[in-house]
Amino acid sequence: MVECDDTSVTNMKFLLYYFEWMSGLKINYHKSEVIAFGVSSEEQNRIANMLNCKVGSLPMTYMGLPISDSNLGVHSFEGIVEKMRKKLQPWKGKNLSSGGRLVLTNSSMSSLPIYMMVMF
């Protein structure tokens, strides 16, 4: 989160370049979005062009979790429920004992709700 002035945006771009240089990772700017609050759409486009990103909007999904500036309804969390459902599907077979199924279910199914609760 930075101010919407040219100096702050330029410094953010330099920080991203330094991150790439230090970590050896590359930032995919085509997948990145910038969300600017309290400025006009022309200013949002200018900032996005400076950072080589798209202009984003709320509500959005960050690491699989819904983020919004207003209250989220139950339908916003359907993606998380679907993830949990997909994790259970491979275990429908009878290849594991009941104890093995219990351990796998507890370990993997508890991680998603805990991750989600930490976010909120």
Protein backbone atom coordinates (compact mmCIF):
# COMPACT_ATOMS: atom_id res chain seq x y z
CA MET A 1 0.00 0.00 0.00
CA VAL A 2 1.51 3.25 -1.15
CA GLU A 3 0.39 6.77 -1.87
CA CYS A 4 -0.81 7.53 -5.40
CA ASP A 5 1.93 10.04 -6.20
CA ASP A 6 4.60 9.41 -8.85
CA THR A 7 7.46 9.10 -6.36
CA SER A 8 5.74 6.40 -4.30
CA VAL A 9 4.71 4.41 -7.37
CA THR A 10 8.23 4.64 -8.83
CA ASN A 11 9.73 3.51 -5.53
CA MET A 12 7.32 0.57 -5.48
CA LYS A 13 8.45 -0.41 -8.98
CA PHE A 14 12.10 -0.25 -7.86
CA LEU A 15 11.28 -2.42 -4.84
CA LEU A 16 9.70 -5.00 -7.13
CA TYR A 17 12.78 -4.95 -9.38
CA TYR A 18 15.06 -5.36 -6.34
CA PHE A 19 12.93 -8.28 -5.16
CA GLU A 20 13.37 -9.94 -8.57
CA TRP A 21 17.12 -9.30 -8.49
CA MET A 22 17.62 -10.54 -4.92
CA SER A 23 15.36 -13.59 -5.05
CA GLY A 24 15.90 -14.71 -8.64
CA LEU A 25 12.12 -14.89 -9.09
CA LYS A 26 10.26 -13.08 -11.84
CA ILE A 27 7.07 -11.10 -11.29
CA ASN A 28 4.42 -11.76 -13.91
CA TYR A 29 3.04 -8.28 -14.44
CA HIS A 30 0.43 -9.56 -16.92
CA LYS A 31 -1.27 -11.44 -14.07
CA SER A 32 -0.81 -8.64 -11.52
CA GLU A 33 -3.43 -6.04 -10.70
CA VAL A 34 -3.27 -2.67 -8.99
CA ILE A 35 -6.21 -1.36 -6.99
CA ALA A 36 -6.22 2.38 -6.27
CA PHE A 37 -8.71 3.91 -3.85
CA GLY A 38 -10.00 7.47 -3.93
CA VAL A 39 -8.64 8.43 -7.35
CA SER A 40 -10.23 8.83 -10.77
CA SER A 41 -10.22 6.06 -13.36
CA GLU A 42 -7.69 8.01 -15.46
CA GLU A 43 -5.34 8.15 -12.47
CA GLN A 44 -5.85 4.42 -11.86
CA ASN A 45 -4.94 3.69 -15.48
CA ARG A 46 -1.86 5.91 -15.26
CA ILE A 47 -0.65 4.11 -12.11
CA ALA A 48 -1.34 0.72 -13.68
CA ASN A 49 0.66 1.74 -16.76
CA MET A 50 3.57 2.84 -14.56
CA LEU A 51 3.59 -0.58 -12.89
CA ASN A 52 2.82 -2.50 -16.12
CA CYS A 53 -0.25 -4.06 -14.49
CA LYS A 54 -3.98 -4.23 -15.05
CA VAL A 55 -6.46 -2.15 -13.07
CA GLY A 56 -8.25 -4.36 -10.56
CA SER A 57 -11.42 -3.90 -8.56
CA LEU A 58 -13.10 -5.26 -5.47
CA PRO A 59 -14.35 -7.89 -4.74
CA MET A 60 -11.32 -9.97 -5.65
CA THR A 61 -9.75 -13.28 -4.76
CA TYR A 62 -6.34 -13.42 -3.07
CA MET A 63 -4.76 -16.86 -2.68
CA GLY A 64 -8.19 -18.44 -2.99
CA LEU A 65 -9.86 -16.21 -0.41
CA PRO A 66 -12.49 -13.61 -1.25
CA ILE A 67 -11.63 -10.01 -0.33
CA SER A 68 -14.21 -7.25 -0.49
CA ASP A 69 -14.88 -3.78 0.84
CA SER A 70 -18.38 -4.85 1.94
CA ASN A 71 -19.88 -7.80 3.78
CA LEU A 72 -19.35 -11.13 2.06
CA GLY A 73 -22.25 -13.46 1.55
CA VAL A 74 -22.25 -17.23 1.86
CA HIS A 75 -21.88 -17.61 -1.91
CA SER A 76 -18.45 -15.91 -1.72
CA PHE A 77 -17.01 -18.94 0.06
CA GLU A 78 -18.22 -21.56 -2.43
CA GLY A 79 -14.72 -21.77 -3.93
CA ILE A 80 -13.29 -22.88 -0.59
CA VAL A 81 -16.01 -25.48 -0.13
CA GLU A 82 -15.31 -26.73 -3.66
CA LYS A 83 -11.59 -27.03 -2.83
CA MET A 84 -12.43 -29.14 0.20
CA ARG A 85 -14.78 -31.30 -1.89
CA LYS A 86 -12.04 -31.89 -4.50
CA LYS A 87 -9.60 -32.97 -1.79
CA LEU A 88 -12.05 -35.58 -0.54
CA GLN A 89 -12.88 -37.12 -3.93
CA PRO A 90 -9.65 -39.17 -4.35
CA TRP A 91 -10.25 -40.78 -0.95
CA LYS A 92 -13.58 -42.30 -1.88
CA GLY A 93 -11.88 -45.58 -2.78
CA LYS A 94 -11.27 -48.33 -0.29
CA ASN A 95 -7.47 -48.22 -0.65
CA LEU A 96 -6.95 -46.76 2.82
CA SER A 97 -7.89 -48.13 6.18
CA SER A 98 -10.38 -46.18 8.25
CA GLY A 99 -7.54 -44.88 10.47
CA GLY A 100 -5.56 -43.77 7.41
CA ARG A 101 -8.58 -41.95 6.01
CA LEU A 102 -9.14 -40.25 9.35
CA VAL A 103 -5.53 -39.03 9.57
CA LEU A 104 -5.50 -37.75 5.96
CA THR A 105 -8.86 -36.06 6.36
CA ASN A 106 -7.91 -34.36 9.62
CA SER A 107 -4.55 -33.13 8.35
CA SER A 108 -5.65 -31.77 4.99
CA MET A 109 -9.18 -30.67 5.80
CA SER A 110 -8.18 -28.72 8.90
CA SER A 111 -5.57 -26.67 7.04
CA LEU A 112 -8.01 -24.85 4.70
CA PRO A 113 -10.39 -23.56 7.41
CA ILE A 114 -7.46 -22.53 9.64
CA TYR A 115 -5.85 -20.66 6.75
CA MET A 116 -9.15 -18.95 6.01
CA MET A 117 -9.77 -17.97 9.65
CA VAL A 118 -6.26 -16.50 9.95
CA MET A 119 -6.99 -14.28 6.97
CA PHE A 120 -10.16 -12.93 8.54
